[in-house]
C-alpha atoms as a PDB file:
ATOM      1  CA  UNK A   1      -3.977  99.230 -88.920  1.00  0.00           C
ATOM      2  CA  UNK A   2      -2.396 102.051 -90.953  1.00  0.00           C
ATOM      3  CA  UNK A   3       0.927 100.198 -91.043  1.00  0.00           C
ATOM      4  CA  UNK A   4      -0.741  97.473 -93.149  1.00  0.00           C
ATOM      5  CA  UNK A   5      -1.017  99.841 -96.128  1.00  0.00           C
ATOM      6  CA  UNK A   6       2.733 100.576 -96.126  1.00  0.00           C
ATOM      7  CA  UNK A   7       3.596  97.841 -98.687  1.00  0.00           C
ATOM      8  CA  UNK A   8       1.102  99.407-101.127  1.00  0.00           C
ATOM      9  CA  UNK A   9       2.562 102.866-100.558  1.00  0.00           C
ATOM     10  CA  UNK A  10       6.122 101.606-101.049  1.00  0.00           C
ATOM     11  CA  UNK A  11       5.163  99.735-104.223  1.00  0.00           C
ATOM     12  CA  UNK A  12       3.234 102.594-105.806  1.00  0.00           C
ATOM     13  CA  UNK A  13       5.767 105.281-104.901  1.00  0.00           C
ATOM     14  CA  UNK A  14       8.769 103.673-106.592  1.00  0.00           C
ATOM     15  CA  UNK A  15       8.040 105.497-109.865  1.00  0.00           C
ATOM     16  CA  UNK A  16       5.224 107.727-111.120  1.00  0.00           C
ATOM     17  CA  UNK A  17       4.528 105.420-114.089  1.00  0.00           C
ATOM     18  CA  UNK A  18       4.178 102.404-111.787  1.00  0.00           C
ATOM     19  CA  UNK A  19       1.865 104.388-109.504  1.00  0.00           C
ATOM     20  CA  UNK A  20      -0.385 105.453-112.382  1.00  0.00           C
ATOM     21  CA  UNK A  21      -0.516 101.947-113.809  1.00  0.00           C
ATOM     22  CA  UNK A  22      -1.222 100.342-110.427  1.00  0.00           C
ATOM     23  CA  UNK A  23      -3.989 102.786-109.543  1.00  0.00           C
ATOM     24  CA  UNK A  24      -5.586 102.398-112.970  1.00  0.00           C
ATOM     25  CA  UNK A  25      -5.592  98.629-112.424  1.00  0.00           C
ATOM     26  CA  UNK A  26      -6.976  99.099-108.904  1.00  0.00           C
ATOM     27  CA  UNK A  27      -9.828 101.249-110.221  1.00  0.00           C
ATOM     28  CA  UNK A  28     -10.485  98.682-112.974  1.00  0.00           C
ATOM     29  CA  UNK A  29     -10.457  95.949-110.307  1.00  0.00           C
ATOM     30  CA  UNK A  30     -13.159  97.887-108.418  1.00  0.00           C
ATOM     31  CA  UNK A  31     -15.249  98.305-111.562  1.00  0.00           C
ATOM     32  CA  UNK A  32     -14.727 102.059-111.928  1.00  0.00           C
ATOM     33  CA  UNK A  33     -12.868 101.851-115.262  1.00  0.00           C
ATOM     34  CA  UNK A  34     -13.762  99.489-118.102  1.00  0.00           C
ATOM     35  CA  UNK A  35     -10.099  98.654-118.849  1.00  0.00           C
ATOM     36  CA  UNK A  36      -6.713  98.947-117.114  1.00  0.00           C
ATOM     37  CA  UNK A  37      -5.189 100.518-120.236  1.00  0.00           C
ATOM     38  CA  UNK A  38      -3.085 103.661-119.693  1.00  0.00           C
ATOM     39  CA  UNK A  39      -1.383 106.098-122.029  1.00  0.00           C
ATOM     40  CA  UNK A  40       2.167 105.468-123.211  1.00  0.00           C
ATOM     41  CA  UNK A  41       4.567 105.110-120.305  1.00  0.00           C
ATOM     42  CA  UNK A  42       8.324 105.011-119.963  1.00  0.00           C
ATOM     43  CA  UNK A  43       8.517 102.317-117.255  1.00  0.00           C
ATOM     44  CA  UNK A  44       6.738  99.099-118.245  1.00  0.00           C
ATOM     45  CA  UNK A  45       4.415  97.374-115.825  1.00  0.00           C
ATOM     46  CA  UNK A  46       6.085  93.981-116.231  1.00  0.00           C
ATOM     47  CA  UNK A  47       5.072  90.553-114.957  1.00  0.00           C
ATOM     48  CA  UNK A  48       6.625  91.233-111.543  1.00  0.00           C
ATOM     49  CA  UNK A  49       4.638  94.448-111.171  1.00  0.00           C
ATOM     50  CA  UNK A  50       1.492  92.653-112.351  1.00  0.00           C
ATOM     51  CA  UNK A  51       1.887  89.827-109.828  1.00  0.00           C
ATOM     52  CA  UNK A  52       2.861  92.069-106.918  1.00  0.00           C
ATOM     53  CA  UNK A  53       0.182  94.589-107.860  1.00  0.00           C
ATOM     54  CA  UNK A  54      -2.497  91.883-107.683  1.00  0.00           C
ATOM     55  CA  UNK A  55      -1.208  90.927-104.247  1.00  0.00           C
ATOM     56  CA  UNK A  56      -1.418  94.568-103.140  1.00  0.00           C
ATOM     57  CA  UNK A  57      -4.986  94.819-104.483  1.00  0.00           C
ATOM     58  CA  UNK A  58      -5.983  91.749-102.456  1.00  0.00           C
ATOM     59  CA  UNK A  59      -4.385  93.368 -99.395  1.00  0.00           C
ATOM     60  CA  UNK A  60      -6.329  96.585-100.007  1.00  0.00           C
ATOM     61  CA  UNK A  61      -9.574  94.623-100.416  1.00  0.00           C
ATOM     62  CA  UNK A  62      -8.926  92.880 -97.106  1.00  0.00           C
ATOM     63  CA  UNK A  63      -8.063  96.150 -95.350  1.00  0.00           C
ATOM     64  CA  UNK A  64     -11.242  97.774 -96.652  1.00  0.00           C
ATOM     65  CA  UNK A  65     -13.344  94.833 -95.469  1.00  0.00           C
ATOM     66  CA  UNK A  66     -11.721  94.994 -92.026  1.00  0.00           C
ATOM     67  CA  UNK A  67     -12.231  98.760 -91.808  1.00  0.00           C
ATOM     68  CA  UNK A  68     -15.906  98.390 -92.735  1.00  0.00           C
ATOM     69  CA  UNK A  69     -16.386  95.699 -90.076  1.00  0.00           C
ATOM     70  CA  UNK A  70     -14.699  97.890 -87.472  1.00  0.00           C
ATOM     71  CA  UNK A  71     -16.722 100.932 -88.524  1.00  0.00           C
ATOM     72  CA  UNK A  72     -13.655 102.929 -89.638  1.00  0.00           C
ATOM     73  CA  UNK A  73     -15.057 103.774 -93.079  1.00  0.00           C
ATOM     74  CA  UNK A  74     -18.159 105.684 -94.005  1.00  0.00           C
END
């Protein structure tokens, strides 16, 4: 099941700014942060990143649900 997280790792590791922006959005998606706003960045999180990032968040949600069902998460 670990291989299923590889697309997320590849996406978020392409540039530090993209990683920060994705993870801020992921934490906002989970209700941890009130907004996905981040400090000034040099690489914009454009419409491609936004669309692909949402897809990666759905994948992470699915993986978490599967892991909980299988008892792999506490």
